[in-house]
Amino acid sequence: MQATKQDALNTINQLPDNADMEEIMYRLYVLDKVRKGQDDVVNGRVTDAENLKREIDSW
């Protein structure tokens, strides 16, 4: 994976020049969540579909 700073810079550079701070912050927030999700997958912190369905059914 790329360094966090480089990912943030790439994300910001892809935005239009008129992007406001709210849009920039939102994109960086999403980037952070995606990176954390990828880390969860790599480290086995996942729930398979069947277990998730059982959990939802118990609500």
Protein backbone atom coordinates (compact mmCIF):
# COMPACT_ATOMS: atom_id res chain seq x y z
CA MET A 1 0.00 0.00 0.00
CA GLN A 2 1.06 3.54 -0.64
CA ALA A 3 1.98 5.80 2.22
CA THR A 4 -0.97 7.54 3.81
CA LYS A 5 0.30 11.00 2.92
CA GLN A 6 0.72 10.10 -0.75
CA ASP A 7 -2.79 8.60 -0.87
CA ALA A 8 -4.19 11.80 0.64
CA LEU A 9 -2.32 13.97 -1.85
CA ASN A 10 -3.49 11.82 -4.78
CA THR A 11 -7.08 12.04 -3.55
CA ILE A 12 -6.91 15.82 -3.21
CA ASN A 13 -5.24 16.21 -6.61
CA GLN A 14 -8.12 14.32 -8.26
CA LEU A 15 -10.66 16.83 -6.97
CA PRO A 16 -11.71 19.78 -9.11
CA ASP A 17 -10.00 23.10 -8.37
CA ASN A 18 -13.21 24.52 -6.95
CA ALA A 19 -13.64 21.74 -4.35
CA ASP A 20 -14.45 23.17 -0.94
CA MET A 21 -13.01 22.08 2.40
CA GLU A 22 -16.07 19.98 3.17
CA GLU A 23 -15.59 17.91 0.00
CA ILE A 24 -11.88 17.51 0.70
CA MET A 25 -12.53 16.34 4.26
CA TYR A 26 -15.24 13.92 3.10
CA ARG A 27 -12.94 12.36 0.50
CA LEU A 28 -10.16 11.96 3.05
CA TYR A 29 -12.64 10.42 5.51
CA VAL A 30 -13.75 7.87 2.91
CA LEU A 31 -10.13 7.12 2.02
CA ASP A 32 -9.39 6.45 5.70
CA LYS A 33 -12.36 4.10 6.04
CA VAL A 34 -11.39 2.18 2.90
CA ARG A 35 -7.79 1.79 4.12
CA LYS A 36 -9.01 0.55 7.52
CA GLY A 37 -11.36 -1.91 5.81
CA GLN A 38 -8.52 -3.24 3.69
CA ASP A 39 -6.42 -3.65 6.81
CA ASP A 40 -9.26 -5.57 8.48
CA VAL A 41 -9.45 -7.96 5.52
CA VAL A 42 -5.68 -8.52 5.49
CA ASN A 43 -5.72 -9.26 9.23
CA GLY A 44 -8.75 -11.56 9.12
CA ARG A 45 -11.11 -9.22 10.95
CA VAL A 46 -14.09 -10.08 8.75
CA THR A 47 -17.49 -11.73 9.09
CA ASP A 48 -18.73 -14.06 6.39
CA ALA A 49 -22.15 -13.53 4.85
CA GLU A 50 -23.83 -16.44 6.65
CA ASN A 51 -22.74 -15.28 10.10
CA LEU A 52 -23.79 -11.75 9.28
CA LYS A 53 -27.22 -12.94 8.15
CA ARG A 54 -27.69 -14.91 11.40
CA GLU A 55 -26.64 -11.86 13.41
CA ILE A 56 -29.13 -9.63 11.56
CA ASP A 57 -31.90 -12.20 11.96
CA SER A 58 -31.34 -12.19 15.73
CA TRP A 59 -32.22 -8.49 15.93
